[in-house]
Amino acid sequence: MSTDRSTDFSGSNGSSDEFDPATTPKRPDMSLGELFSEMTGELSTLFRKEVELAKLEGKEELKQAGAAAGMFAGAAVAGLLTALFVSFALAWLLDQALNRALSFLIVALLWGLGALILLSTAKKKAQQVKPLPQTTQTLKEDVQWAKAQKS
């Protein structure tokens, strides 16, 4: 029982004239040094563009985050005033006539309502902040491009 272990490297039909794109150079007129230099230059440009894009996106995201932070601060101030007025109202309710205390309580409740509105708006703004969406997308595209260049 003998087996023939010889391998035919000339292709499926024995012809050595078949076109194989995996082994055909894409730029046969350029040397390896020139190709490497071109690739390095392209990667350098790509990196600079990605950093520039990240800076631009970062500035925009910081503006949105700053607006949300300002609203959180407004909600905190309104909450503090709410606690202050409710405390005054409760103290005067126990100490003096009912009418004055109710007046302070109504003002305090209005401040509380304002605090809730600011807090709700700030939460919505904070949820809209997306960290560098375009940079993330282009980095994914760059990885795919680099993989395509490799093959």
N, C-alpha and C. Protein backbone atom coordinates (compact mmCIF):
# COMPACT_ATOMS: atom_id res chain seq x y z
N MET A 1 0.84 -1.17 0.00
CA MET A 1 0.00 0.00 0.00
C MET A 1 0.88 1.23 0.00
N SER A 2 1.12 1.78 -1.14
CA SER A 2 1.98 2.95 -1.24
C SER A 2 1.12 4.17 -1.54
N THR A 3 1.51 5.28 -0.91
CA THR A 3 0.79 6.53 -1.14
C THR A 3 1.75 7.51 -1.79
N ASP A 4 1.22 8.24 -2.73
CA ASP A 4 2.02 9.25 -3.41
C ASP A 4 1.90 10.57 -2.66
N ARG A 5 2.96 11.02 -2.04
CA ARG A 5 2.94 12.24 -1.24
C ARG A 5 3.57 13.42 -1.98
N SER A 6 3.66 13.32 -3.24
CA SER A 6 4.22 14.44 -3.99
C SER A 6 3.18 15.55 -4.07
N THR A 7 3.64 16.77 -4.06
CA THR A 7 2.77 17.94 -4.08
C THR A 7 2.96 18.68 -5.39
N ASP A 8 1.84 19.06 -5.96
CA ASP A 8 1.87 19.81 -7.21
C ASP A 8 1.66 21.28 -6.87
N PHE A 9 2.69 22.11 -7.06
CA PHE A 9 2.63 23.53 -6.73
C PHE A 9 2.23 24.40 -7.91
N SER A 10 1.90 23.83 -9.00
CA SER A 10 1.64 24.62 -10.19
C SER A 10 0.18 25.02 -10.35
N GLY A 11 -0.69 24.67 -9.45
CA GLY A 11 -2.09 25.05 -9.57
C GLY A 11 -2.97 23.83 -9.69
N SER A 12 -4.27 24.04 -9.82
CA SER A 12 -5.22 22.94 -9.83
C SER A 12 -5.18 22.16 -11.13
N ASN A 13 -4.89 22.80 -12.24
CA ASN A 13 -4.89 22.09 -13.52
C ASN A 13 -3.47 21.86 -14.05
N GLY A 14 -2.49 22.12 -13.22
CA GLY A 14 -1.12 21.89 -13.63
C GLY A 14 -0.50 23.06 -14.34
N SER A 15 -1.24 24.10 -14.63
CA SER A 15 -0.72 25.26 -15.34
C SER A 15 -0.07 26.22 -14.36
N SER A 16 1.08 26.74 -14.69
CA SER A 16 1.76 27.70 -13.82
C SER A 16 1.47 29.14 -14.26
N ASP A 17 0.57 29.33 -15.22
CA ASP A 17 0.26 30.66 -15.74
C ASP A 17 -0.94 31.31 -15.05
N GLU A 18 -1.48 30.68 -14.02
CA GLU A 18 -2.65 31.24 -13.35
C GLU A 18 -2.30 32.51 -12.59
N PHE A 19 -3.24 33.44 -12.54
CA PHE A 19 -3.06 34.71 -11.84
C PHE A 19 -3.43 34.52 -10.38
N ASP A 20 -2.50 34.87 -9.48
CA ASP A 20 -2.76 34.77 -8.03
C ASP A 20 -2.58 36.16 -7.44
N PRO A 21 -3.67 36.86 -7.08
CA PRO A 21 -3.57 38.23 -6.58
C PRO A 21 -2.84 38.32 -5.24
N ALA A 22 -2.78 37.24 -4.49
CA ALA A 22 -2.11 37.30 -3.19
C ALA A 22 -0.60 37.42 -3.34
N THR A 23 -0.06 36.93 -4.42
CA THR A 23 1.39 36.97 -4.60
C THR A 23 1.84 37.99 -5.63
N THR A 24 0.90 38.67 -6.27
CA THR A 24 1.24 39.68 -7.26
C THR A 24 1.46 41.02 -6.57
N PRO A 25 2.61 41.66 -6.79
CA PRO A 25 2.86 42.96 -6.15
C PRO A 25 1.87 44.01 -6.65
N LYS A 26 1.42 44.87 -5.73
CA LYS A 26 0.47 45.92 -6.10
C LYS A 26 1.18 47.10 -6.75
N ARG A 27 2.44 47.32 -6.38
CA ARG A 27 3.23 48.40 -6.96
C ARG A 27 4.63 47.86 -7.28
N PRO A 28 4.78 47.16 -8.36
CA PRO A 28 6.07 46.54 -8.66
C PRO A 28 7.18 47.53 -9.02
N ASP A 29 6.80 48.77 -9.35
CA ASP A 29 7.80 49.76 -9.76
C ASP A 29 8.46 50.45 -8.57
N MET A 30 7.97 50.24 -7.34
CA MET A 30 8.52 50.92 -6.17
C MET A 30 9.34 49.94 -5.33
N SER A 31 10.42 50.46 -4.74
CA SER A 31 11.25 49.61 -3.89
C SER A 31 10.59 49.47 -2.52
N LEU A 32 11.09 48.54 -1.74
CA LEU A 32 10.56 48.33 -0.39
C LEU A 32 10.75 49.57 0.46
N GLY A 33 11.88 50.24 0.34
CA GLY A 33 12.14 51.47 1.09
C GLY A 33 11.15 52.57 0.73
N GLU A 34 10.87 52.71 -0.56
CA GLU A 34 9.90 53.72 -1.00
C GLU A 34 8.50 53.41 -0.47
N LEU A 35 8.13 52.13 -0.53
CA LEU A 35 6.82 51.73 -0.01
C LEU A 35 6.73 51.99 1.49
N PHE A 36 7.78 51.65 2.21
CA PHE A 36 7.79 51.86 3.66
C PHE A 36 7.74 53.35 3.98
N SER A 37 8.47 54.15 3.23
CA SER A 37 8.47 55.60 3.44
C SER A 37 7.07 56.17 3.19
N GLU A 38 6.43 55.74 2.12
CA GLU A 38 5.08 56.21 1.81
C GLU A 38 4.10 55.79 2.90
N MET A 39 4.20 54.55 3.35
CA MET A 39 3.31 54.07 4.41
C MET A 39 3.51 54.86 5.70
N THR A 40 4.76 55.13 6.06
CA THR A 40 5.05 55.89 7.27
C THR A 40 4.47 57.30 7.17
N GLY A 41 4.63 57.93 6.02
CA GLY A 41 4.08 59.26 5.81
C GLY A 41 2.56 59.27 5.91
N GLU A 42 1.92 58.27 5.32
CA GLU A 42 0.46 58.18 5.38
C GLU A 42 -0.02 57.94 6.81
N LEU A 43 0.68 57.08 7.55
CA LEU A 43 0.30 56.83 8.94
C LEU A 43 0.49 58.08 9.79
N SER A 44 1.55 58.81 9.54
CA SER A 44 1.80 60.05 10.28
C SER A 44 0.70 61.07 10.02
N THR A 45 0.31 61.22 8.76
CA THR A 45 -0.77 62.14 8.40
C THR A 45 -2.08 61.68 9.03
N LEU A 46 -2.33 60.39 8.97
CA LEU A 46 -3.54 59.84 9.56
C LEU A 46 -3.59 60.10 11.06
N PHE A 47 -2.48 59.90 11.73
CA PHE A 47 -2.42 60.13 13.18
C PHE A 47 -2.68 61.59 13.50
N ARG A 48 -2.06 62.50 12.76
CA ARG A 48 -2.27 63.93 12.99
C ARG A 48 -3.73 64.32 12.79
N LYS A 49 -4.35 63.78 11.74
CA LYS A 49 -5.75 64.08 11.47
C LYS A 49 -6.65 63.55 12.59
N GLU A 50 -6.34 62.36 13.11
CA GLU A 50 -7.13 61.78 14.19
C GLU A 50 -7.01 62.63 15.46
N VAL A 51 -5.82 63.11 15.75
CA VAL A 51 -5.61 63.96 16.93
C VAL A 51 -6.38 65.27 16.76
N GLU A 52 -6.33 65.85 15.57
CA GLU A 52 -7.05 67.09 15.30
C GLU A 52 -8.56 66.88 15.46
N LEU A 53 -9.07 65.77 14.94
CA LEU A 53 -10.49 65.46 15.07
C LEU A 53 -10.87 65.26 16.53
N ALA A 54 -10.04 64.58 17.28
CA ALA A 54 -10.32 64.34 18.70
C ALA A 54 -10.37 65.66 19.46
N LYS A 55 -9.47 66.59 19.12
CA LYS A 55 -9.48 67.90 19.79
C LYS A 55 -10.78 68.65 19.50
N LEU A 56 -11.19 68.65 18.23
CA LEU A 56 -12.42 69.36 17.85
C LEU A 56 -13.64 68.75 18.53
N GLU A 57 -13.71 67.42 18.51
CA GLU A 57 -14.83 66.75 19.15
C GLU A 57 -14.80 66.97 20.66
N GLY A 58 -13.61 66.95 21.23
CA GLY A 58 -13.46 67.15 22.67
C GLY A 58 -13.97 68.50 23.09
N LYS A 59 -13.67 69.54 22.31
CA LYS A 59 -14.15 70.88 22.62
C LYS A 59 -15.68 70.93 22.61
N GLU A 60 -16.28 70.30 21.61
CA GLU A 60 -17.74 70.30 21.50
C GLU A 60 -18.36 69.54 22.68
N GLU A 61 -17.79 68.41 23.03
CA GLU A 61 -18.32 67.64 24.15
C GLU A 61 -18.15 68.40 25.47
N LEU A 62 -17.04 69.14 25.60
CA LEU A 62 -16.83 69.92 26.82
C LEU A 62 -17.87 71.04 26.94
N LYS A 63 -18.25 71.63 25.81
CA LYS A 63 -19.29 72.67 25.85
C LYS A 63 -20.60 72.08 26.38
N GLN A 64 -20.97 70.93 25.86
CA GLN A 64 -22.21 70.29 26.31
C GLN A 64 -22.12 69.87 27.77
N ALA A 65 -20.98 69.33 28.16
CA ALA A 65 -20.80 68.93 29.55
C ALA A 65 -20.82 70.15 30.47
N GLY A 66 -20.26 71.26 30.02
CA GLY A 66 -20.26 72.49 30.80
C GLY A 66 -21.68 73.02 31.00
N ALA A 67 -22.49 72.94 29.95
CA ALA A 67 -23.89 73.39 30.07
C ALA A 67 -24.63 72.52 31.07
N ALA A 68 -24.42 71.22 31.01
CA ALA A 68 -25.07 70.31 31.97
C ALA A 68 -24.59 70.59 33.38
N ALA A 69 -23.28 70.84 33.54
CA ALA A 69 -22.73 71.14 34.86
C ALA A 69 -23.32 72.43 35.41
N GLY A 70 -23.51 73.43 34.56
CA GLY A 70 -24.13 74.68 34.99
C GLY A 70 -25.55 74.46 35.47
N MET A 71 -26.27 73.60 34.78
CA MET A 71 -27.64 73.30 35.20
C MET A 71 -27.66 72.52 36.52
N PHE A 72 -26.70 71.61 36.69
CA PHE A 72 -26.59 70.90 37.97
C PHE A 72 -26.30 71.89 39.10
N ALA A 73 -25.45 72.86 38.82
CA ALA A 73 -25.14 73.87 39.83
C ALA A 73 -26.38 74.70 40.14
N GLY A 74 -27.15 75.07 39.13
CA GLY A 74 -28.40 75.80 39.34
C GLY A 74 -29.39 74.99 40.17
N ALA A 75 -29.45 73.69 39.88
CA ALA A 75 -30.33 72.82 40.65
C ALA A 75 -29.87 72.74 42.10
N ALA A 76 -28.57 72.73 42.32
CA ALA A 76 -28.03 72.68 43.69
C ALA A 76 -28.37 73.95 44.45
N VAL A 77 -28.22 75.11 43.80
CA VAL A 77 -28.56 76.39 44.44
C VAL A 77 -30.06 76.43 44.75
N ALA A 78 -30.87 76.01 43.79
CA ALA A 78 -32.32 76.00 44.01
C ALA A 78 -32.68 75.03 45.14
N GLY A 79 -32.02 73.90 45.21
CA GLY A 79 -32.25 72.96 46.30
C GLY A 79 -31.87 73.54 47.65
N LEU A 80 -30.76 74.25 47.68
CA LEU A 80 -30.33 74.91 48.93
C LEU A 80 -31.35 75.95 49.37
N LEU A 81 -31.82 76.76 48.43
CA LEU A 81 -32.84 77.75 48.76
C LEU A 81 -34.14 77.08 49.21
N THR A 82 -34.47 75.95 48.60
CA THR A 82 -35.65 75.20 49.02
C THR A 82 -35.53 74.79 50.48
N ALA A 83 -34.42 74.23 50.83
CA ALA A 83 -34.20 73.81 52.22
C ALA A 83 -34.26 75.02 53.17
N LEU A 84 -33.69 76.12 52.74
CA LEU A 84 -33.70 77.32 53.56
C LEU A 84 -35.12 77.82 53.80
N PHE A 85 -35.91 77.95 52.71
CA PHE A 85 -37.28 78.46 52.86
C PHE A 85 -38.18 77.48 53.61
N VAL A 86 -38.02 76.19 53.35
CA VAL A 86 -38.82 75.21 54.09
C VAL A 86 -38.48 75.27 55.57
N SER A 87 -37.22 75.44 55.89
CA SER A 87 -36.81 75.56 57.29
C SER A 87 -37.41 76.81 57.94
N PHE A 88 -37.33 77.96 57.24
CA PHE A 88 -37.95 79.18 57.77
C PHE A 88 -39.47 79.00 57.94
N ALA A 89 -40.08 78.41 56.93
CA ALA A 89 -41.53 78.24 56.99
C ALA A 89 -41.93 77.34 58.15
N LEU A 90 -41.21 76.26 58.34
CA LEU A 90 -41.53 75.35 59.44
C LEU A 90 -41.32 76.03 60.80
N ALA A 91 -40.22 76.77 60.92
CA ALA A 91 -39.94 77.46 62.18
C ALA A 91 -41.01 78.51 62.47
N TRP A 92 -41.41 79.29 61.48
CA TRP A 92 -42.42 80.34 61.71
C TRP A 92 -43.81 79.72 61.89
N LEU A 93 -44.02 78.54 61.28
CA LEU A 93 -45.30 77.86 61.47
C LEU A 93 -45.47 77.46 62.93
N LEU A 94 -44.41 77.00 63.50
CA LEU A 94 -44.47 76.61 64.90
C LEU A 94 -44.50 77.82 65.84
N ASP A 95 -43.91 78.92 65.43
CA ASP A 95 -43.74 80.07 66.32
C ASP A 95 -44.80 81.15 66.15
N GLN A 96 -45.27 81.37 64.95
CA GLN A 96 -46.16 82.52 64.71
C GLN A 96 -47.47 82.10 64.06
N ALA A 97 -48.16 83.05 63.59
CA ALA A 97 -49.47 82.80 62.96
C ALA A 97 -49.32 81.99 61.68
N LEU A 98 -50.36 81.31 61.32
CA LEU A 98 -50.34 80.39 60.20
C LEU A 98 -50.14 81.09 58.85
N ASN A 99 -50.67 82.27 58.65
CA ASN A 99 -50.62 82.94 57.35
C ASN A 99 -49.19 83.24 56.89
N ARG A 100 -48.38 83.77 57.73
CA ARG A 100 -47.00 84.10 57.33
C ARG A 100 -46.22 82.83 56.99
N ALA A 101 -46.40 81.81 57.78
CA ALA A 101 -45.69 80.54 57.54
C ALA A 101 -46.11 79.91 56.22
N LEU A 102 -47.38 79.95 55.93
CA LEU A 102 -47.84 79.41 54.65
C LEU A 102 -47.28 80.19 53.48
N SER A 103 -47.12 81.47 53.64
CA SER A 103 -46.51 82.28 52.58
C SER A 103 -45.08 81.81 52.29
N PHE A 104 -44.32 81.61 53.37
CA PHE A 104 -42.95 81.13 53.19
C PHE A 104 -42.94 79.72 52.59
N LEU A 105 -43.88 78.89 52.99
CA LEU A 105 -43.94 77.53 52.46
C LEU A 105 -44.24 77.53 50.95
N ILE A 106 -45.14 78.39 50.53
CA ILE A 106 -45.46 78.47 49.09
C ILE A 106 -44.24 78.91 48.29
N VAL A 107 -43.50 79.90 48.78
CA VAL A 107 -42.28 80.35 48.09
C VAL A 107 -41.26 79.21 48.05
N ALA A 108 -41.14 78.49 49.15
CA ALA A 108 -40.18 77.38 49.19
C ALA A 108 -40.57 76.29 48.20
N LEU A 109 -41.84 75.99 48.09
CA LEU A 109 -42.29 74.97 47.14
C LEU A 109 -42.05 75.41 45.70
N LEU A 110 -42.19 76.68 45.42
CA LEU A 110 -41.88 77.17 44.07
C LEU A 110 -40.39 76.98 43.75
N TRP A 111 -39.52 77.27 44.73
CA TRP A 111 -38.10 77.03 44.53
C TRP A 111 -37.82 75.54 44.32
N GLY A 112 -38.50 74.72 45.05
CA GLY A 112 -38.34 73.27 44.89
C GLY A 112 -38.75 72.80 43.50
N LEU A 113 -39.85 73.36 42.99
CA LEU A 113 -40.28 73.03 41.64
C LEU A 113 -39.23 73.46 40.61
N GLY A 114 -38.68 74.65 40.81
CA GLY A 114 -37.60 75.11 39.91
C GLY A 114 -36.39 74.19 39.96
N ALA A 115 -36.06 73.72 41.16
CA ALA A 115 -34.93 72.80 41.29
C ALA A 115 -35.19 71.50 40.55
N LEU A 116 -36.40 70.97 40.64
CA LEU A 116 -36.73 69.73 39.94
C LEU A 116 -36.67 69.90 38.43
N ILE A 117 -37.14 71.04 37.95
CA ILE A 117 -37.10 71.29 36.50
C ILE A 117 -35.65 71.39 36.02
N LEU A 118 -34.81 72.12 36.75
CA LEU A 118 -33.40 72.23 36.36
C LEU A 118 -32.69 70.88 36.42
N LEU A 119 -32.99 70.10 37.46
CA LEU A 119 -32.35 68.79 37.60
C LEU A 119 -32.75 67.87 36.45
N SER A 120 -34.01 67.86 36.10
CA SER A 120 -34.49 67.03 35.00
C SER A 120 -33.83 67.43 33.67
N THR A 121 -33.76 68.73 33.42
CA THR A 121 -33.13 69.22 32.19
C THR A 121 -31.64 68.88 32.17
N ALA A 122 -30.97 69.01 33.30
CA ALA A 122 -29.54 68.71 33.38
C ALA A 122 -29.29 67.23 33.12
N LYS A 123 -30.13 66.36 33.64
CA LYS A 123 -29.96 64.91 33.39
C LYS A 123 -30.09 64.60 31.91
N LYS A 124 -31.08 65.21 31.26
CA LYS A 124 -31.26 64.98 29.82
C LYS A 124 -30.05 65.46 29.04
N LYS A 125 -29.53 66.64 29.39
CA LYS A 125 -28.34 67.17 28.70
C LYS A 125 -27.13 66.26 28.92
N ALA A 126 -26.96 65.79 30.15
CA ALA A 126 -25.81 64.93 30.46
C ALA A 126 -25.89 63.61 29.71
N GLN A 127 -27.10 63.08 29.50
CA GLN A 127 -27.24 61.83 28.77
C GLN A 127 -26.97 62.00 27.29
N GLN A 128 -27.09 63.21 26.78
CA GLN A 128 -26.84 63.47 25.36
C GLN A 128 -25.35 63.56 25.03
N VAL A 129 -24.52 63.70 26.04
CA VAL A 129 -23.08 63.81 25.82
C VAL A 129 -22.54 62.45 25.43
N LYS A 130 -21.99 62.36 24.23
CA LYS A 130 -21.40 61.12 23.72
C LYS A 130 -19.91 61.36 23.54
N PRO A 131 -19.08 60.50 24.13
CA PRO A 131 -17.63 60.74 24.06
C PRO A 131 -17.05 60.46 22.67
N LEU A 132 -16.70 61.51 21.95
CA LEU A 132 -15.98 61.47 20.68
C LEU A 132 -16.53 60.45 19.68
N PRO A 133 -17.78 60.59 19.27
CA PRO A 133 -18.37 59.57 18.38
C PRO A 133 -17.71 59.50 17.01
N GLN A 134 -17.37 60.63 16.43
CA GLN A 134 -16.78 60.61 15.09
C GLN A 134 -15.36 60.06 15.13
N THR A 135 -14.60 60.41 16.16
CA THR A 135 -13.24 59.89 16.29
C THR A 135 -13.27 58.39 16.44
N THR A 136 -14.18 57.88 17.27
CA THR A 136 -14.30 56.43 17.47
C THR A 136 -14.60 55.75 16.14
N GLN A 137 -15.53 56.31 15.38
CA GLN A 137 -15.90 55.72 14.10
C GLN A 137 -14.73 55.74 13.12
N THR A 138 -14.02 56.86 13.02
CA THR A 138 -12.93 56.93 12.05
C THR A 138 -11.76 56.04 12.48
N LEU A 139 -11.56 55.86 13.77
CA LEU A 139 -10.51 54.93 14.22
C LEU A 139 -10.85 53.50 13.80
N LYS A 140 -12.12 53.13 13.89
CA LYS A 140 -12.54 51.79 13.44
C LYS A 140 -12.30 51.66 11.93
N GLU A 141 -12.62 52.73 11.19
CA GLU A 141 -12.40 52.70 9.74
C GLU A 141 -10.91 52.61 9.43
N ASP A 142 -10.07 53.29 10.21
CA ASP A 142 -8.63 53.25 10.00
C ASP A 142 -8.08 51.85 10.22
N VAL A 143 -8.60 51.15 11.23
CA VAL A 143 -8.16 49.78 11.49
C VAL A 143 -8.53 48.89 10.31
N GLN A 144 -9.75 49.06 9.79
CA GLN A 144 -10.16 48.28 8.62
C GLN A 144 -9.28 48.60 7.41
N TRP A 145 -8.97 49.89 7.24
CA TRP A 145 -8.11 50.28 6.11
C TRP A 145 -6.73 49.65 6.24
N ALA A 146 -6.19 49.70 7.47
CA ALA A 146 -4.85 49.12 7.69
C ALA A 146 -4.84 47.62 7.43
N LYS A 147 -5.91 46.95 7.82
CA LYS A 147 -6.02 45.50 7.56
C LYS A 147 -6.09 45.23 6.06
N ALA A 148 -6.82 46.09 5.34
CA ALA A 148 -6.93 45.93 3.89
C ALA A 148 -5.58 46.17 3.21
N GLN A 149 -4.79 47.12 3.72
CA GLN A 149 -3.48 47.39 3.14
C GLN A 149 -2.51 46.24 3.41
N LYS A 150 -2.71 45.59 4.53
CA LYS A 150 -1.83 44.48 4.93
C LYS A 150 -2.00 43.28 4.00
N SER A 151 -3.26 43.05 3.57
CA SER A 151 -3.50 41.87 2.72
C SER A 151 -3.26 42.14 1.27
